[in-house]
PDB file of N, CA and C in Angstrom:
ATOM      1  N   MET A   1     -34.623  28.717 -48.571  1.00  0.00           N
ATOM      2  CA  MET A   1     -33.694  29.622 -49.202  1.00  0.00           C
ATOM      3  C   MET A   1     -32.883  30.382 -48.141  1.00  0.00           C
ATOM      4  N   ALA A   2     -33.550  30.773 -47.058  1.00  0.00           N
ATOM      5  CA  ALA A   2     -32.858  31.506 -46.005  1.00  0.00           C
ATOM      6  C   ALA A   2     -31.772  30.646 -45.367  1.00  0.00           C
ATOM      7  N   ASP A   3     -32.052  29.352 -45.209  1.00  0.00           N
ATOM      8  CA  ASP A   3     -31.056  28.461 -44.618  1.00  0.00           C
ATOM      9  C   ASP A   3     -29.815  28.383 -45.499  1.00  0.00           C
ATOM     10  N   ASN A   4     -30.005  28.305 -46.789  1.00  0.00           N
ATOM     11  CA  ASN A   4     -28.884  28.223 -47.721  1.00  0.00           C
ATOM     12  C   ASN A   4     -28.056  29.506 -47.671  1.00  0.00           C
ATOM     13  N   SER A   5     -28.718  30.642 -47.603  1.00  0.00           N
ATOM     14  CA  SER A   5     -28.036  31.930 -47.542  1.00  0.00           C
ATOM     15  C   SER A   5     -27.254  32.062 -46.244  1.00  0.00           C
ATOM     16  N   GLN A   6     -27.861  31.638 -45.153  1.00  0.00           N
ATOM     17  CA  GLN A   6     -27.180  31.694 -43.859  1.00  0.00           C
ATOM     18  C   GLN A   6     -25.979  30.755 -43.850  1.00  0.00           C
ATOM     19  N   SER A   7     -26.157  29.580 -44.426  1.00  0.00           N
ATOM     20  CA  SER A   7     -25.068  28.613 -44.496  1.00  0.00           C
ATOM     21  C   SER A   7     -23.912  29.166 -45.315  1.00  0.00           C
ATOM     22  N   MET A   8     -24.215  29.814 -46.430  1.00  0.00           N
ATOM     23  CA  MET A   8     -23.171  30.389 -47.279  1.00  0.00           C
ATOM     24  C   MET A   8     -22.447  31.516 -46.543  1.00  0.00           C
ATOM     25  N   SER A   9     -23.206  32.333 -45.825  1.00  0.00           N
ATOM     26  CA  SER A   9     -22.591  33.422 -45.054  1.00  0.00           C
ATOM     27  C   SER A   9     -21.702  32.860 -43.958  1.00  0.00           C
ATOM     28  N   TYR A  10     -22.185  31.839 -43.288  1.00  0.00           N
ATOM     29  CA  TYR A  10     -21.405  31.198 -42.234  1.00  0.00           C
ATOM     30  C   TYR A  10     -20.106  30.629 -42.802  1.00  0.00           C
ATOM     31  N   ASN A  11     -20.229  29.912 -43.921  1.00  0.00           N
ATOM     32  CA  ASN A  11     -19.045  29.318 -44.546  1.00  0.00           C
ATOM     33  C   ASN A  11     -18.061  30.388 -45.000  1.00  0.00           C
ATOM     34  N   ALA A  12     -18.563  31.484 -45.512  1.00  0.00           N
ATOM     35  CA  ALA A  12     -17.694  32.587 -45.935  1.00  0.00           C
ATOM     36  C   ALA A  12     -16.970  33.176 -44.730  1.00  0.00           C
ATOM     37  N   GLY A  13     -17.694  33.322 -43.640  1.00  0.00           N
ATOM     38  CA  GLY A  13     -17.077  33.833 -42.403  1.00  0.00           C
ATOM     39  C   GLY A  13     -16.020  32.879 -41.873  1.00  0.00           C
ATOM     40  N   GLU A  14     -16.304  31.596 -41.920  1.00  0.00           N
ATOM     41  CA  GLU A  14     -15.332  30.584 -41.496  1.00  0.00           C
ATOM     42  C   GLU A  14     -14.067  30.659 -42.353  1.00  0.00           C
ATOM     43  N   ALA A  15     -14.252  30.740 -43.647  1.00  0.00           N
ATOM     44  CA  ALA A  15     -13.108  30.801 -44.564  1.00  0.00           C
ATOM     45  C   ALA A  15     -12.278  32.051 -44.301  1.00  0.00           C
ATOM     46  N   LYS A  16     -12.959  33.180 -44.065  1.00  0.00           N
ATOM     47  CA  LYS A  16     -12.242  34.426 -43.790  1.00  0.00           C
ATOM     48  C   LYS A  16     -11.454  34.304 -42.491  1.00  0.00           C
ATOM     49  N   GLY A  17     -12.079  33.747 -41.479  1.00  0.00           N
ATOM     50  CA  GLY A  17     -11.397  33.570 -40.194  1.00  0.00           C
ATOM     51  C   GLY A  17     -10.182  32.663 -40.314  1.00  0.00           C
ATOM     52  N   GLN A  18     -10.320  31.572 -41.042  1.00  0.00           N
ATOM     53  CA  GLN A  18      -9.203  30.650 -41.233  1.00  0.00           C
ATOM     54  C   GLN A  18      -8.076  31.309 -42.021  1.00  0.00           C
ATOM     55  N   ALA A  19      -8.449  32.111 -43.007  1.00  0.00           N
ATOM     56  CA  ALA A  19      -7.446  32.815 -43.807  1.00  0.00           C
ATOM     57  C   ALA A  19      -6.675  33.811 -42.944  1.00  0.00           C
ATOM     58  N   GLU A  20      -7.375  34.495 -42.048  1.00  0.00           N
ATOM     59  CA  GLU A  20      -6.709  35.452 -41.161  1.00  0.00           C
ATOM     60  C   GLU A  20      -5.750  34.742 -40.215  1.00  0.00           C
ATOM     61  N   VAL A  21      -6.169  33.611 -39.670  1.00  0.00           N
ATOM     62  CA  VAL A  21      -5.296  32.834 -38.786  1.00  0.00           C
ATOM     63  C   VAL A  21      -4.053  32.389 -39.541  1.00  0.00           C
ATOM     64  N   LYS A  22      -4.235  31.890 -40.742  1.00  0.00           N
ATOM     65  CA  LYS A  22      -3.115  31.427 -41.566  1.00  0.00           C
ATOM     66  C   LYS A  22      -2.163  32.590 -41.865  1.00  0.00           C
ATOM     67  N   LYS A  23      -2.734  33.746 -42.204  1.00  0.00           N
ATOM     68  CA  LYS A  23      -1.914  34.934 -42.478  1.00  0.00           C
ATOM     69  C   LYS A  23      -1.105  35.316 -41.251  1.00  0.00           C
ATOM     70  N   ASP A  24      -1.753  35.326 -40.088  1.00  0.00           N
ATOM     71  CA  ASP A  24      -1.058  35.677 -38.848  1.00  0.00           C
ATOM     72  C   ASP A  24       0.073  34.693 -38.556  1.00  0.00           C
ATOM     73  N   GLN A  25      -0.168  33.411 -38.799  1.00  0.00           N
ATOM     74  CA  GLN A  25       0.869  32.411 -38.584  1.00  0.00           C
ATOM     75  C   GLN A  25       2.054  32.649 -39.514  1.00  0.00           C
ATOM     76  N   MET A  26       1.759  32.978 -40.759  1.00  0.00           N
ATOM     77  CA  MET A  26       2.827  33.221 -41.734  1.00  0.00           C
ATOM     78  C   MET A  26       3.621  34.474 -41.369  1.00  0.00           C
ATOM     79  N   VAL A  27       2.934  35.511 -40.908  1.00  0.00           N
ATOM     80  CA  VAL A  27       3.608  36.740 -40.499  1.00  0.00           C
ATOM     81  C   VAL A  27       4.501  36.456 -39.291  1.00  0.00           C
ATOM     82  N   ASP A  28       3.999  35.695 -38.330  1.00  0.00           N
ATOM     83  CA  ASP A  28       4.804  35.343 -37.160  1.00  0.00           C
ATOM     84  C   ASP A  28       6.035  34.538 -37.560  1.00  0.00           C
ATOM     85  N   LYS A  29       5.853  33.605 -38.463  1.00  0.00           N
ATOM     86  CA  LYS A  29       6.968  32.774 -38.925  1.00  0.00           C
ATOM     87  C   LYS A  29       8.010  33.634 -39.647  1.00  0.00           C
ATOM     88  N   ALA A  30       7.552  34.537 -40.500  1.00  0.00           N
ATOM     89  CA  ALA A  30       8.473  35.422 -41.221  1.00  0.00           C
ATOM     90  C   ALA A  30       9.204  36.346 -40.255  1.00  0.00           C
ATOM     91  N   SER A  31       8.494  36.819 -39.267  1.00  0.00           N
ATOM     92  CA  SER A  31       9.108  37.698 -38.266  1.00  0.00           C
ATOM     93  C   SER A  31      10.196  36.960 -37.505  1.00  0.00           C
ATOM     94  N   GLY A  32       9.915  35.720 -37.150  1.00  0.00           N
ATOM     95  CA  GLY A  32      10.917  34.905 -36.459  1.00  0.00           C
ATOM     96  C   GLY A  32      12.128  34.657 -37.330  1.00  0.00           C
ATOM     97  N   ALA A  33      11.914  34.404 -38.597  1.00  0.00           N
ATOM     98  CA  ALA A  33      13.024  34.170 -39.530  1.00  0.00           C
ATOM     99  C   ALA A  33      13.861  35.435 -39.684  1.00  0.00           C
ATOM    100  N   MET A  34      13.200  36.580 -39.743  1.00  0.00           N
ATOM    101  CA  MET A  34      13.930  37.841 -39.869  1.00  0.00           C
ATOM    102  C   MET A  34      14.758  38.121 -38.615  1.00  0.00           C
ATOM    103  N   GLN A  35      14.196  37.843 -37.464  1.00  0.00           N
ATOM    104  CA  GLN A  35      14.919  38.051 -36.206  1.00  0.00           C
ATOM    105  C   GLN A  35      16.143  37.147 -36.155  1.00  0.00           C
ATOM    106  N   SER A  36      15.978  35.905 -36.570  1.00  0.00           N
ATOM    107  CA  SER A  36      17.081  34.957 -36.590  1.00  0.00           C
ATOM    108  C   SER A  36      18.181  35.415 -37.547  1.00  0.00           C
ATOM    109  N   ALA A  37      17.788  35.889 -38.716  1.00  0.00           N
ATOM    110  CA  ALA A  37      18.759  36.386 -39.695  1.00  0.00           C
ATOM    111  C   ALA A  37      19.499  37.603 -39.158  1.00  0.00           C
ATOM    112  N   LYS A  38      18.766  38.473 -38.482  1.00  0.00           N
ATOM    113  CA  LYS A  38      19.382  39.674 -37.900  1.00  0.00           C
ATOM    114  C   LYS A  38      20.426  39.277 -36.861  1.00  0.00           C
ATOM    115  N   GLU A  39      20.070  38.338 -35.999  1.00  0.00           N
ATOM    116  CA  GLU A  39      21.004  37.886 -34.971  1.00  0.00           C
ATOM    117  C   GLU A  39      22.227  37.216 -35.597  1.00  0.00           C
ATOM    118  N   SER A  40      22.021  36.443 -36.645  1.00  0.00           N
ATOM    119  CA  SER A  40      23.140  35.794 -37.332  1.00  0.00           C
ATOM    120  C   SER A  40      24.077  36.830 -37.943  1.00  0.00           C
ATOM    121  N   CYS A  41      23.513  37.845 -38.548  1.00  0.00           N
ATOM    122  CA  CYS A  41      24.328  38.910 -39.145  1.00  0.00           C
ATOM    123  C   CYS A  41      25.104  39.667 -38.073  1.00  0.00           C
ATOM    124  N   GLN A  42      24.456  39.940 -36.961  1.00  0.00           N
ATOM    125  CA  GLN A  42      25.138  40.640 -35.879  1.00  0.00           C
ATOM    126  C   GLN A  42      26.287  39.796 -35.331  1.00  0.00           C
ATOM    127  N   GLN A  43      26.051  38.506 -35.188  1.00  0.00           N
ATOM    128  CA  GLN A  43      27.084  37.609 -34.680  1.00  0.00           C
ATOM    129  C   GLN A  43      28.246  37.532 -35.669  1.00  0.00           C
ATOM    130  N   ALA A  44      27.945  37.431 -36.960  1.00  0.00           N
ATOM    131  CA  ALA A  44      28.990  37.378 -37.981  1.00  0.00           C
ATOM    132  C   ALA A  44      29.791  38.677 -37.981  1.00  0.00           C
ATOM    133  N   GLY A  45      29.111  39.795 -37.851  1.00  0.00           N
ATOM    134  CA  GLY A  45      29.795  41.087 -37.799  1.00  0.00           C
ATOM    135  C   GLY A  45      30.724  41.186 -36.607  1.00  0.00           C
ATOM    136  N   GLN A  46      30.263  40.701 -35.470  1.00  0.00           N
ATOM    137  CA  GLN A  46      31.083  40.718 -34.255  1.00  0.00           C
ATOM    138  C   GLN A  46      32.322  39.845 -34.443  1.00  0.00           C
ATOM    139  N   GLN A  47      32.145  38.679 -35.037  1.00  0.00           N
ATOM    140  CA  GLN A  47      33.286  37.789 -35.282  1.00  0.00           C
ATOM    141  C   GLN A  47      34.282  38.435 -36.235  1.00  0.00           C
ATOM    142  N   MET A  48      33.779  39.106 -37.267  1.00  0.00           N
ATOM    143  CA  MET A  48      34.668  39.781 -38.214  1.00  0.00           C
ATOM    144  C   MET A  48      35.457  40.894 -37.531  1.00  0.00           C
ATOM    145  N   MET A  49      34.789  41.638 -36.664  1.00  0.00           N
ATOM    146  CA  MET A  49      35.484  42.707 -35.945  1.00  0.00           C
ATOM    147  C   MET A  49      36.569  42.136 -35.040  1.00  0.00           C
ATOM    148  N   GLU A  50      36.277  41.030 -34.370  1.00  0.00           N
ATOM    149  CA  GLU A  50      37.267  40.401 -33.491  1.00  0.00           C
ATOM    150  C   GLU A  50      38.466  39.890 -34.287  1.00  0.00           C
ATOM    151  N   LYS A  51      38.207  39.293 -35.446  1.00  0.00           N
ATOM    152  CA  LYS A  51      39.297  38.800 -36.295  1.00  0.00           C
ATOM    153  C   LYS A  51      40.136  39.953 -36.824  1.00  0.00           C
ATOM    154  N   ALA A  52      39.482  41.035 -37.217  1.00  0.00           N
ATOM    155  CA  ALA A  52      40.213  42.205 -37.713  1.00  0.00           C
ATOM    156  C   ALA A  52      41.074  42.806 -36.610  1.00  0.00           C
ATOM    157  N   GLN A  53      40.548  42.856 -35.405  1.00  0.00           N
ATOM    158  CA  GLN A  53      41.317  43.385 -34.277  1.00  0.00           C
ATOM    159  C   GLN A  53      42.516  42.481 -33.996  1.00  0.00           C
ATOM    160  N   GLY A  54      42.290  41.178 -34.065  1.00  0.00           N
ATOM    161  CA  GLY A  54      43.389  40.231 -33.856  1.00  0.00           C
ATOM    162  C   GLY A  54      44.458  40.385 -34.923  1.00  0.00           C
ATOM    163  N   ALA A  55      44.059  40.583 -36.158  1.00  0.00           N
ATOM    164  CA  ALA A  55      45.017  40.779 -37.247  1.00  0.00           C
ATOM    165  C   ALA A  55      45.795  42.074 -37.040  1.00  0.00           C
ATOM    166  N   ALA A  56      45.097  43.113 -36.634  1.00  0.00           N
ATOM    167  CA  ALA A  56      45.774  44.394 -36.390  1.00  0.00           C
ATOM    168  C   ALA A  56      46.770  44.260 -35.245  1.00  0.00           C
ATOM    169  N   ASP A  57      46.391  43.554 -34.200  1.00  0.00           N
ATOM    170  CA  ASP A  57      47.307  43.335 -33.076  1.00  0.00           C
ATOM    171  C   ASP A  57      48.530  42.535 -33.516  1.00  0.00           C
ATOM    172  N   SER A  58      48.334  41.537 -34.375  1.00  0.00           N
ATOM    173  CA  SER A  58      49.446  40.727 -34.873  1.00  0.00           C
ATOM    174  C   SER A  58      50.425  41.582 -35.670  1.00  0.00           C
ATOM    175  N   VAL A  59      49.874  42.464 -36.502  1.00  0.00           N
ATOM    176  CA  VAL A  59      50.742  43.359 -37.281  1.00  0.00           C
ATOM    177  C   VAL A  59      51.517  44.293 -36.364  1.00  0.00           C
ATOM    178  N   LYS A  60      50.851  44.814 -35.358  1.00  0.00           N
ATOM    179  CA  LYS A  60      51.521  45.708 -34.414  1.00  0.00           C
ATOM    180  C   LYS A  60      52.637  44.979 -33.682  1.00  0.00           C
ATOM    181  N   GLU A  61      52.371  43.746 -33.266  1.00  0.00           N
ATOM    182  CA  GLU A  61      53.410  42.968 -32.578  1.00  0.00           C
ATOM    183  C   GLU A  61      54.576  42.683 -33.508  1.00  0.00           C
ATOM    184  N   ALA A  62      54.266  42.332 -34.751  1.00  0.00           N
ATOM    185  CA  ALA A  62      55.310  41.979 -35.712  1.00  0.00           C
ATOM    186  C   ALA A  62      56.187  43.188 -36.076  1.00  0.00           C
ATOM    187  N   THR A  63      55.602  44.368 -36.046  1.00  0.00           N
ATOM    188  CA  THR A  63      56.361  45.568 -36.414  1.00  0.00           C
ATOM    189  C   THR A  63      56.883  46.318 -35.191  1.00  0.00           C
ATOM    190  N   GLY A  64      56.608  45.797 -33.990  1.00  0.00           N
ATOM    191  CA  GLY A  64      57.092  46.429 -32.783  1.00  0.00           C
ATOM    192  C   GLY A  64      56.314  47.676 -32.400  1.00  0.00           C
ATOM    193  N   MET A  65      55.119  47.852 -32.926  1.00  0.00           N
ATOM    194  CA  MET A  65      54.326  49.054 -32.628  1.00  0.00           C
ATOM    195  C   MET A  65      53.421  48.852 -31.411  1.00  0.00           C
ATOM    196  N   LYS A  66      53.284  47.622 -30.943  1.00  0.00           N
ATOM    197  CA  LYS A  66      52.376  47.371 -29.820  1.00  0.00           C
ATOM    198  C   LYS A  66      53.107  47.667 -28.527  1.00  0.00           C
ATOM    199  N   LYS A  67      52.488  48.455 -27.699  1.00  0.00           N
ATOM    200  CA  LYS A  67      53.125  48.824 -26.417  1.00  0.00           C
ATOM    201  C   LYS A  67      52.375  48.216 -25.265  1.00  0.00           C
TER     202      LYS A  67
END
């Protein structure tokens, strides 16, 4: 009976350990995805600002306001 109880405890510990590893892997993967999304948003924002500046410069040139 003691062997069965020890085996069950061991198996429960193994399952818990594997679950923790899996959770950590999922958290790392999600963190990486969030970082990638953040960088993509920052890059898109930078491109939008550059395009807006270019449009503003074009308007200034067209109206003779650019010095």
